[in-house]
């Protein structure tokens, strides 16, 4: 089985600012680390064509200056353990996508996503809560 495609992503910016857990699957994502860091946690998985962007431009600038003026920091994106970003999702930092959350296909995330929630839309909004697994041990008797 050829899994090479699962790990062919595009990166714009400094590779040192991108951290992808070994258990994560990012498919053919696009990452922009121009204006911050991107951290992708354990067991995170992406559908196809997901874009995670820290880069932004200053809309108060014009011409060439608008093209090249970008902040260097403070637009970090953190995607926590077990999150699922479906196909064609765009994430614009700064934001944190919480543990085991789900971002529906074609959504735009531009603010934090709480853990154990499903978000959808442009911009993404909470549409449903996910029941976390019970941490209580079950006894067999």
Protein backbone atom coordinates (compact mmCIF):
# COMPACT_ATOMS: atom_id res chain seq x y z
CA UNK A 1 0.00 0.00 0.00
CA UNK A 2 1.41 3.38 -1.00
CA UNK A 3 0.82 5.90 1.82
CA UNK A 4 3.24 8.52 0.51
CA UNK A 5 0.42 10.84 -0.51
CA UNK A 6 -0.76 11.03 3.10
CA UNK A 7 2.38 12.91 4.06
CA UNK A 8 2.87 15.28 1.10
CA UNK A 9 1.88 18.65 2.45
CA UNK A 10 2.85 22.16 1.37
CA UNK A 11 4.68 24.46 3.76
CA UNK A 12 5.07 28.22 3.44
CA UNK A 13 7.38 29.63 6.08
CA UNK A 14 9.79 28.25 8.62
CA UNK A 15 9.71 24.45 9.02
CA UNK A 16 10.91 24.87 12.63
CA UNK A 17 7.52 26.44 13.43
CA UNK A 18 5.57 23.34 12.35
CA UNK A 19 5.21 20.42 14.77
CA UNK A 20 3.24 17.36 13.64
CA UNK A 21 2.82 14.41 16.02
CA UNK A 22 3.94 11.08 14.57
CA UNK A 23 0.42 9.66 14.91
CA UNK A 24 -1.23 12.53 13.02
CA UNK A 25 -2.42 12.18 9.41
CA UNK A 26 -2.45 15.47 7.50
CA UNK A 27 -2.94 14.26 3.91
CA UNK A 28 -2.27 17.02 1.37
CA UNK A 29 -2.64 19.99 3.73
CA UNK A 30 -1.20 23.45 3.26
CA UNK A 31 0.58 25.03 6.24
CA UNK A 32 1.62 28.68 6.55
CA UNK A 33 3.97 29.44 9.43
CA UNK A 34 4.89 32.97 8.35
CA UNK A 35 3.20 34.63 11.36
CA UNK A 36 3.29 31.93 14.04
CA UNK A 37 3.66 28.31 14.99
CA UNK A 38 1.44 25.33 14.18
CA UNK A 39 1.21 22.40 16.59
CA UNK A 40 -0.68 19.26 15.59
CA UNK A 41 -1.33 16.78 18.38
CA UNK A 42 -1.51 13.01 18.66
CA UNK A 43 -4.12 11.20 16.53
CA UNK A 44 -5.25 14.38 14.77
CA UNK A 45 -6.44 13.69 11.25
CA UNK A 46 -7.32 15.83 8.26
CA UNK A 47 -9.46 15.29 5.23
CA UNK A 48 -8.08 16.48 1.92
CA UNK A 49 -7.13 20.08 1.09
CA UNK A 50 -7.06 21.45 4.64
CA UNK A 51 -5.28 24.82 5.03
CA UNK A 52 -3.81 25.96 8.36
CA UNK A 53 -2.69 29.57 8.11
CA UNK A 54 -0.81 31.77 10.53
CA UNK A 55 0.12 34.28 7.85
CA UNK A 56 -1.88 37.42 7.34
CA UNK A 57 -1.41 40.70 5.53
CA UNK A 58 -2.03 44.27 6.62
CA UNK A 59 -5.12 45.54 4.81
CA UNK A 60 -4.09 49.11 5.68
CA UNK A 61 -1.13 48.79 3.30
CA UNK A 62 -1.32 49.10 -0.48
CA UNK A 63 0.50 47.81 -3.54
CA UNK A 64 3.71 45.86 -2.99
CA UNK A 65 3.78 46.82 0.70
CA UNK A 66 0.49 44.93 1.28
CA UNK A 67 1.98 41.85 -0.37
CA UNK A 68 5.09 41.72 1.81
CA UNK A 69 4.03 43.18 5.18
CA UNK A 70 3.15 40.34 7.56
CA UNK A 71 3.45 40.05 11.34
CA UNK A 72 6.19 37.64 12.45
CA UNK A 73 4.42 36.15 15.49
CA UNK A 74 1.24 35.85 17.57
CA UNK A 75 -0.96 33.98 15.06
CA UNK A 76 -0.28 30.49 16.48
CA UNK A 77 -2.56 27.52 15.78
CA UNK A 78 -2.79 24.55 18.13
CA UNK A 79 -4.77 21.49 17.08
CA UNK A 80 -5.14 19.20 20.08
CA UNK A 81 -5.28 15.42 20.41
CA UNK A 82 -7.82 13.50 18.38
CA UNK A 83 -9.28 16.46 16.49
CA UNK A 84 -10.70 15.74 13.04
CA UNK A 85 -10.67 18.43 10.37
CA UNK A 86 -12.74 17.29 7.39
CA UNK A 87 -11.94 18.08 3.76
CA UNK A 88 -11.56 21.68 2.57
CA UNK A 89 -11.37 23.21 6.06
CA UNK A 90 -9.48 26.48 6.48
CA UNK A 91 -8.02 27.44 9.87
CA UNK A 92 -6.84 31.02 10.44
CA UNK A 93 -4.77 31.72 13.54
CA UNK A 94 -4.63 32.54 16.28
CA UNK A 95 -6.81 29.72 17.57
CA UNK A 96 -6.90 26.46 19.47
CA UNK A 97 -8.91 23.50 18.23
CA UNK A 98 -9.80 21.45 21.29
CA UNK A 99 -9.35 17.77 22.02
CA UNK A 100 -11.51 15.33 20.03
CA UNK A 101 -13.43 18.10 18.29
CA UNK A 102 -14.72 17.80 14.73
CA UNK A 103 -14.62 20.55 12.10
CA UNK A 104 -17.14 19.89 9.31
CA UNK A 105 -16.14 19.96 5.65
CA UNK A 106 -15.67 23.38 4.03
CA UNK A 107 -15.71 25.25 7.36
CA UNK A 108 -13.66 28.32 8.25
CA UNK A 109 -12.20 28.29 11.77
CA UNK A 110 -11.14 31.75 12.94
CA UNK A 111 -11.56 31.38 16.72
CA UNK A 112 -11.12 28.71 19.38
CA UNK A 113 -13.05 25.45 19.11
CA UNK A 114 -14.00 23.90 22.48
CA UNK A 115 -13.01 20.29 23.19
CA UNK A 116 -15.59 17.60 22.35
CA UNK A 117 -17.65 19.75 20.00
CA UNK A 118 -18.65 19.68 16.35
CA UNK A 119 -18.35 22.98 14.51
CA UNK A 120 -19.48 23.89 11.00
CA UNK A 121 -19.93 26.87 8.73
CA UNK A 122 -18.30 30.10 7.66
CA UNK A 123 -17.33 31.14 10.23
CA UNK A 124 -17.45 27.86 12.13
CA UNK A 125 -19.94 27.70 15.00
CA UNK A 126 -20.70 24.99 17.53
CA UNK A 127 -23.53 22.80 16.24
CA UNK A 128 -23.30 19.86 18.62
CA UNK A 129 -21.54 18.62 21.74
CA UNK A 130 -19.79 15.24 21.75
CA UNK A 131 -20.11 13.07 24.86
CA UNK A 132 -16.60 12.33 26.15
CA UNK A 133 -15.83 8.71 26.98
CA UNK A 134 -16.47 7.72 30.58
CA UNK A 135 -13.37 7.42 32.70
CA UNK A 136 -15.06 5.17 35.24
CA UNK A 137 -13.85 1.58 35.30
CA UNK A 138 -16.54 -1.02 34.70
CA UNK A 139 -16.52 -4.13 36.78
CA UNK A 140 -17.61 -7.50 35.52
CA UNK A 141 -19.43 -9.44 38.16
